[in-house]
Every structure is written in C-alpha cells, then in structure tokens.
Amino acid sequence: MKTIKVQPLTKEAFAPYGEYYAMTEPTGHALCGEIHQFFPDRVTAYQGHQVAFSPIKVKKPAEMKVTQIEYHTTTCEAIMPLTDDMILHVAQPSAGTPITDQTKAFL
C-alpha cells in the first residue's frame, strides 16, 4: 500500500489536475451594490450536454484509505464541499487508464 501526504489545496498545486477556486473566499473584480459583492463566473465548465449535480454525504472513517477510484473520460466533475473540509485525491489525465502511483491528496 502506498502512503501519500495530504497537501494544502491551492490554485497552483491543483493546476495539473483541474481548476480550483476558493468559493468561500472570493477574490478579484466584483460587481458591488449597497449590500452585496457578486463575483461572476469564477469557475466555468464547458459541456455540450446536460450537467448534473449530485450530493454525497460522507463520514470521516477511522482510517483514511482509498480503496476505490473513478476516472472520467468524457465529462468534467466539480467537487464542492459545503459543510466541512474534505480530502480530495486526484491523478493527472492519462488517456483513460488511471495511474495510481501519481495520486496526490489535497485538503
């Protein structure tokens, strides 16, 4: 079994795997009103078809161990933890075959 160290999730560190933006700490130009700041289109996904949003409830296990993975070849995926932090494990695109020895983990 391979052990990997969890690293902080930053835009630069995550760049080889996709796009990251701290939605709860928006930065950049905003459209401002008297009681709001609106940060439009900070993350975008281009899909020529239906987009689905699927909630998942996860509990913290006694041991952090990845036993299953999935690989997307025809769609993008947005992961947005809403109520707590999470550890996200990823690997670089590899033409349809996951390369598990290149897996990284981010908090």
N, C-alpha and C. Protein backbone atom coordinates (compact mmCIF):
# COMPACT_ATOMS: atom_id res chain seq x y z
N MET A 1 0.84 -1.17 0.00
CA MET A 1 0.00 0.00 0.00
C MET A 1 0.89 1.24 0.00
N LYS A 2 0.55 2.19 -0.85
CA LYS A 2 1.30 3.44 -0.94
C LYS A 2 0.70 4.46 0.03
N THR A 3 1.56 5.19 0.72
CA THR A 3 1.13 6.26 1.61
C THR A 3 1.49 7.59 0.96
N ILE A 4 0.53 8.50 0.91
CA ILE A 4 0.79 9.83 0.36
C ILE A 4 0.46 10.88 1.41
N LYS A 5 1.18 11.97 1.37
CA LYS A 5 0.98 13.06 2.32
C LYS A 5 -0.07 14.03 1.76
N VAL A 6 -1.01 14.42 2.59
CA VAL A 6 -2.02 15.39 2.19
C VAL A 6 -1.38 16.77 2.18
N GLN A 7 -1.57 17.50 1.09
CA GLN A 7 -1.02 18.84 0.99
C GLN A 7 -2.14 19.88 0.93
N PRO A 8 -1.83 21.12 1.27
CA PRO A 8 -2.85 22.17 1.22
C PRO A 8 -3.35 22.36 -0.21
N LEU A 9 -4.64 22.60 -0.34
CA LEU A 9 -5.24 22.83 -1.66
C LEU A 9 -5.06 24.29 -2.03
N THR A 10 -4.27 24.52 -3.09
CA THR A 10 -4.07 25.87 -3.63
C THR A 10 -4.29 25.80 -5.13
N LYS A 11 -4.54 26.93 -5.72
CA LYS A 11 -4.74 27.00 -7.18
C LYS A 11 -3.52 26.47 -7.92
N GLU A 12 -2.33 26.84 -7.47
CA GLU A 12 -1.10 26.44 -8.14
C GLU A 12 -0.84 24.93 -7.99
N ALA A 13 -1.03 24.40 -6.78
CA ALA A 13 -0.77 22.98 -6.55
C ALA A 13 -1.75 22.09 -7.30
N PHE A 14 -3.00 22.56 -7.44
CA PHE A 14 -4.04 21.75 -8.08
C PHE A 14 -4.06 21.89 -9.60
N ALA A 15 -3.36 22.87 -10.16
CA ALA A 15 -3.40 23.17 -11.59
C ALA A 15 -3.20 21.97 -12.52
N PRO A 16 -2.30 21.02 -12.24
CA PRO A 16 -2.15 19.88 -13.15
C PRO A 16 -3.39 18.97 -13.23
N TYR A 17 -4.31 19.13 -12.27
CA TYR A 17 -5.47 18.23 -12.19
C TYR A 17 -6.78 18.89 -12.58
N GLY A 18 -6.79 20.19 -12.65
CA GLY A 18 -8.01 20.91 -12.98
C GLY A 18 -7.97 22.32 -12.43
N GLU A 19 -9.14 22.88 -12.25
CA GLU A 19 -9.26 24.27 -11.82
C GLU A 19 -9.75 24.31 -10.37
N TYR A 20 -9.16 25.18 -9.55
CA TYR A 20 -9.57 25.36 -8.16
C TYR A 20 -9.79 26.83 -7.89
N TYR A 21 -10.85 27.10 -7.17
CA TYR A 21 -11.14 28.47 -6.73
C TYR A 21 -11.78 28.38 -5.35
N ALA A 22 -11.33 29.19 -4.41
CA ALA A 22 -11.88 29.20 -3.05
C ALA A 22 -13.19 29.98 -3.04
N MET A 23 -14.30 29.28 -3.26
CA MET A 23 -15.60 29.93 -3.38
C MET A 23 -16.03 30.67 -2.12
N THR A 24 -15.57 30.24 -0.96
CA THR A 24 -15.96 30.90 0.28
C THR A 24 -15.08 32.11 0.60
N GLU A 25 -14.03 32.31 -0.20
CA GLU A 25 -13.14 33.45 -0.03
C GLU A 25 -12.88 34.08 -1.39
N PRO A 26 -13.92 34.62 -2.03
CA PRO A 26 -13.77 35.12 -3.40
C PRO A 26 -12.80 36.30 -3.50
N THR A 27 -12.09 36.34 -4.63
CA THR A 27 -11.14 37.43 -4.90
C THR A 27 -11.36 37.92 -6.32
N GLY A 28 -10.76 39.03 -6.63
CA GLY A 28 -10.84 39.58 -7.96
C GLY A 28 -11.94 40.62 -8.09
N HIS A 29 -12.15 41.10 -9.30
CA HIS A 29 -13.14 42.13 -9.56
C HIS A 29 -14.54 41.63 -9.21
N ALA A 30 -15.29 42.44 -8.52
CA ALA A 30 -16.67 42.09 -8.15
C ALA A 30 -17.62 43.19 -8.60
N LEU A 31 -18.84 42.79 -8.87
CA LEU A 31 -19.91 43.75 -9.12
C LEU A 31 -20.51 44.06 -7.75
N CYS A 32 -20.42 45.33 -7.36
CA CYS A 32 -20.78 45.68 -5.99
C CYS A 32 -22.03 46.55 -5.94
N GLY A 33 -22.83 46.25 -4.95
CA GLY A 33 -24.01 47.06 -4.66
C GLY A 33 -23.93 47.51 -3.22
N GLU A 34 -25.03 48.08 -2.74
CA GLU A 34 -25.04 48.59 -1.39
C GLU A 34 -24.85 47.49 -0.34
N ILE A 35 -25.40 46.30 -0.60
CA ILE A 35 -25.32 45.22 0.38
C ILE A 35 -24.72 43.93 -0.17
N HIS A 36 -24.05 44.00 -1.33
CA HIS A 36 -23.53 42.75 -1.89
C HIS A 36 -22.24 42.98 -2.70
N GLN A 37 -21.52 41.89 -2.87
CA GLN A 37 -20.42 41.79 -3.83
C GLN A 37 -20.69 40.52 -4.62
N PHE A 38 -20.78 40.62 -5.94
CA PHE A 38 -21.04 39.47 -6.79
C PHE A 38 -19.80 39.20 -7.63
N PHE A 39 -19.26 37.99 -7.54
CA PHE A 39 -18.05 37.59 -8.25
C PHE A 39 -18.45 36.64 -9.37
N PRO A 40 -18.74 37.16 -10.58
CA PRO A 40 -19.29 36.30 -11.63
C PRO A 40 -18.27 35.35 -12.25
N ASP A 41 -18.77 34.16 -12.57
CA ASP A 41 -18.06 33.17 -13.39
C ASP A 41 -16.63 32.90 -12.94
N ARG A 42 -16.42 32.63 -11.67
CA ARG A 42 -15.08 32.35 -11.18
C ARG A 42 -14.59 30.97 -11.61
N VAL A 43 -15.49 30.02 -11.78
CA VAL A 43 -15.15 28.70 -12.29
C VAL A 43 -16.16 28.38 -13.37
N THR A 44 -15.70 27.92 -14.50
CA THR A 44 -16.60 27.56 -15.60
C THR A 44 -16.31 26.15 -16.09
N ALA A 45 -17.34 25.53 -16.66
CA ALA A 45 -17.19 24.21 -17.25
C ALA A 45 -17.94 24.22 -18.56
N TYR A 46 -17.31 23.78 -19.61
CA TYR A 46 -17.93 23.77 -20.93
C TYR A 46 -18.42 22.36 -21.25
N GLN A 47 -19.71 22.22 -21.32
CA GLN A 47 -20.33 20.94 -21.63
C GLN A 47 -21.35 21.18 -22.74
N GLY A 48 -21.39 20.30 -23.70
CA GLY A 48 -22.35 20.42 -24.79
C GLY A 48 -23.63 19.65 -24.51
N HIS A 49 -23.83 19.27 -23.26
CA HIS A 49 -24.99 18.47 -22.92
C HIS A 49 -25.40 18.73 -21.47
N GLN A 50 -26.32 17.93 -20.98
CA GLN A 50 -26.85 18.08 -19.64
C GLN A 50 -25.75 18.04 -18.58
N VAL A 51 -25.90 18.86 -17.55
CA VAL A 51 -24.99 18.88 -16.41
C VAL A 51 -25.78 18.44 -15.19
N ALA A 52 -25.23 17.52 -14.41
CA ALA A 52 -25.90 17.01 -13.23
C ALA A 52 -25.18 17.45 -11.96
N PHE A 53 -25.93 17.63 -10.90
CA PHE A 53 -25.39 17.96 -9.58
C PHE A 53 -25.81 16.85 -8.64
N SER A 54 -24.85 16.18 -8.02
CA SER A 54 -25.13 15.01 -7.20
C SER A 54 -24.58 15.19 -5.78
N PRO A 55 -25.45 15.38 -4.79
CA PRO A 55 -24.94 15.49 -3.42
C PRO A 55 -24.47 14.13 -2.90
N ILE A 56 -23.49 14.19 -2.00
CA ILE A 56 -23.00 12.97 -1.35
C ILE A 56 -22.76 13.30 0.11
N LYS A 57 -23.16 12.41 0.98
CA LYS A 57 -22.91 12.55 2.42
C LYS A 57 -21.78 11.60 2.78
N VAL A 58 -20.76 12.12 3.45
CA VAL A 58 -19.58 11.33 3.78
C VAL A 58 -19.27 11.49 5.26
N LYS A 59 -18.90 10.39 5.91
CA LYS A 59 -18.45 10.49 7.30
C LYS A 59 -16.97 10.17 7.35
N LYS A 60 -16.29 10.72 8.35
CA LYS A 60 -14.85 10.51 8.48
C LYS A 60 -14.59 9.08 8.98
N PRO A 61 -13.81 8.32 8.23
CA PRO A 61 -13.51 6.95 8.66
C PRO A 61 -12.42 6.94 9.74
N ALA A 62 -12.31 5.82 10.41
CA ALA A 62 -11.26 5.66 11.43
C ALA A 62 -9.88 5.71 10.78
N GLU A 63 -9.77 5.18 9.56
CA GLU A 63 -8.50 5.18 8.81
C GLU A 63 -8.77 5.74 7.43
N MET A 64 -7.96 6.73 7.01
CA MET A 64 -8.10 7.33 5.69
C MET A 64 -7.41 6.43 4.67
N LYS A 65 -8.21 5.66 3.93
CA LYS A 65 -7.66 4.70 2.99
C LYS A 65 -8.52 4.71 1.73
N VAL A 66 -7.89 4.93 0.58
CA VAL A 66 -8.60 4.91 -0.69
C VAL A 66 -8.64 3.47 -1.20
N THR A 67 -9.83 2.94 -1.37
CA THR A 67 -9.97 1.55 -1.84
C THR A 67 -10.64 1.47 -3.20
N GLN A 68 -11.21 2.58 -3.67
CA GLN A 68 -11.84 2.63 -4.99
C GLN A 68 -11.57 3.99 -5.60
N ILE A 69 -11.46 4.01 -6.93
CA ILE A 69 -11.31 5.28 -7.64
C ILE A 69 -12.20 5.25 -8.87
N GLU A 70 -12.44 6.42 -9.45
CA GLU A 70 -13.15 6.51 -10.72
C GLU A 70 -12.35 7.39 -11.65
N TYR A 71 -12.61 7.24 -12.94
CA TYR A 71 -11.88 8.01 -13.94
C TYR A 71 -12.88 8.50 -14.98
N HIS A 72 -12.90 9.79 -15.23
CA HIS A 72 -13.82 10.38 -16.21
C HIS A 72 -13.09 10.56 -17.54
N THR A 73 -13.67 10.06 -18.61
CA THR A 73 -13.07 10.24 -19.94
C THR A 73 -13.87 11.19 -20.82
N THR A 74 -15.13 11.45 -20.47
CA THR A 74 -15.96 12.27 -21.35
C THR A 74 -16.67 13.41 -20.64
N THR A 75 -16.38 13.64 -19.40
CA THR A 75 -17.08 14.69 -18.66
C THR A 75 -16.16 15.31 -17.62
N CYS A 76 -16.50 16.50 -17.22
CA CYS A 76 -15.77 17.13 -16.12
C CYS A 76 -16.52 16.84 -14.82
N GLU A 77 -15.89 17.13 -13.70
CA GLU A 77 -16.54 16.94 -12.41
C GLU A 77 -16.19 18.11 -11.51
N ALA A 78 -17.20 18.65 -10.86
CA ALA A 78 -17.00 19.71 -9.89
C ALA A 78 -17.26 19.14 -8.51
N ILE A 79 -16.33 19.35 -7.60
CA ILE A 79 -16.48 18.88 -6.23
C ILE A 79 -16.49 20.11 -5.34
N MET A 80 -17.56 20.25 -4.55
CA MET A 80 -17.73 21.44 -3.75
C MET A 80 -18.19 21.06 -2.34
N PRO A 81 -17.24 20.84 -1.41
CA PRO A 81 -17.65 20.55 -0.03
C PRO A 81 -18.36 21.77 0.56
N LEU A 82 -19.53 21.53 1.14
CA LEU A 82 -20.33 22.65 1.62
C LEU A 82 -20.34 22.81 3.14
N THR A 83 -20.22 21.73 3.89
CA THR A 83 -20.36 21.85 5.34
C THR A 83 -19.09 21.57 6.12
N ASP A 84 -18.04 21.14 5.45
CA ASP A 84 -16.79 20.84 6.17
C ASP A 84 -15.67 20.69 5.16
N ASP A 85 -14.45 20.53 5.65
CA ASP A 85 -13.32 20.26 4.78
C ASP A 85 -13.37 18.82 4.30
N MET A 86 -12.63 18.53 3.26
CA MET A 86 -12.52 17.16 2.77
C MET A 86 -11.14 16.93 2.20
N ILE A 87 -10.76 15.68 2.09
CA ILE A 87 -9.52 15.31 1.41
C ILE A 87 -9.91 14.83 0.02
N LEU A 88 -9.29 15.42 -0.98
CA LEU A 88 -9.57 15.12 -2.37
C LEU A 88 -8.35 14.42 -2.95
N HIS A 89 -8.54 13.22 -3.49
CA HIS A 89 -7.41 12.53 -4.11
C HIS A 89 -7.60 12.55 -5.63
N VAL A 90 -6.53 12.85 -6.34
CA VAL A 90 -6.58 13.03 -7.79
C VAL A 90 -5.30 12.47 -8.43
N ALA A 91 -5.37 12.27 -9.74
CA ALA A 91 -4.19 11.94 -10.54
C ALA A 91 -4.33 12.66 -11.87
N GLN A 92 -3.23 12.88 -12.55
CA GLN A 92 -3.26 13.59 -13.82
C GLN A 92 -3.98 12.77 -14.89
N PRO A 93 -4.54 13.46 -15.89
CA PRO A 93 -5.17 12.75 -17.01
C PRO A 93 -4.17 11.78 -17.65
N SER A 94 -4.68 10.61 -18.05
CA SER A 94 -3.77 9.58 -18.57
C SER A 94 -4.41 8.73 -19.66
N ALA A 95 -5.20 9.34 -20.53
CA ALA A 95 -5.78 8.65 -21.68
C ALA A 95 -6.65 7.45 -21.31
N GLY A 96 -7.36 7.55 -20.19
CA GLY A 96 -8.34 6.53 -19.85
C GLY A 96 -7.91 5.47 -18.86
N THR A 97 -6.63 5.40 -18.55
CA THR A 97 -6.16 4.41 -17.59
C THR A 97 -5.59 5.14 -16.37
N PRO A 98 -6.23 5.00 -15.20
CA PRO A 98 -5.72 5.69 -14.02
C PRO A 98 -4.29 5.27 -13.69
N ILE A 99 -3.47 6.25 -13.35
CA ILE A 99 -2.09 5.99 -12.95
C ILE A 99 -2.02 6.22 -11.44
N THR A 100 -2.24 5.18 -10.68
CA THR A 100 -2.38 5.32 -9.23
C THR A 100 -1.10 5.72 -8.53
N ASP A 101 0.06 5.45 -9.11
CA ASP A 101 1.30 5.83 -8.43
C ASP A 101 1.57 7.33 -8.53
N GLN A 102 0.73 8.07 -9.28
CA GLN A 102 0.88 9.52 -9.37
C GLN A 102 -0.23 10.25 -8.59
N THR A 103 -0.94 9.54 -7.76
CA THR A 103 -2.03 10.13 -6.99
C THR A 103 -1.51 11.16 -6.01
N LYS A 104 -2.23 12.27 -5.91
CA LYS A 104 -1.95 13.31 -4.92
C LYS A 104 -3.19 13.50 -4.07
N ALA A 105 -3.02 14.01 -2.87
CA ALA A 105 -4.15 14.28 -1.98
C ALA A 105 -4.07 15.71 -1.49
N PHE A 106 -5.23 16.38 -1.48
CA PHE A 106 -5.32 17.78 -1.06
C PHE A 106 -6.39 17.94 -0.01
N LEU A 107 -6.14 18.85 0.96
CA LEU A 107 -7.13 19.20 1.97
C LEU A 107 -7.65 20.58 1.64
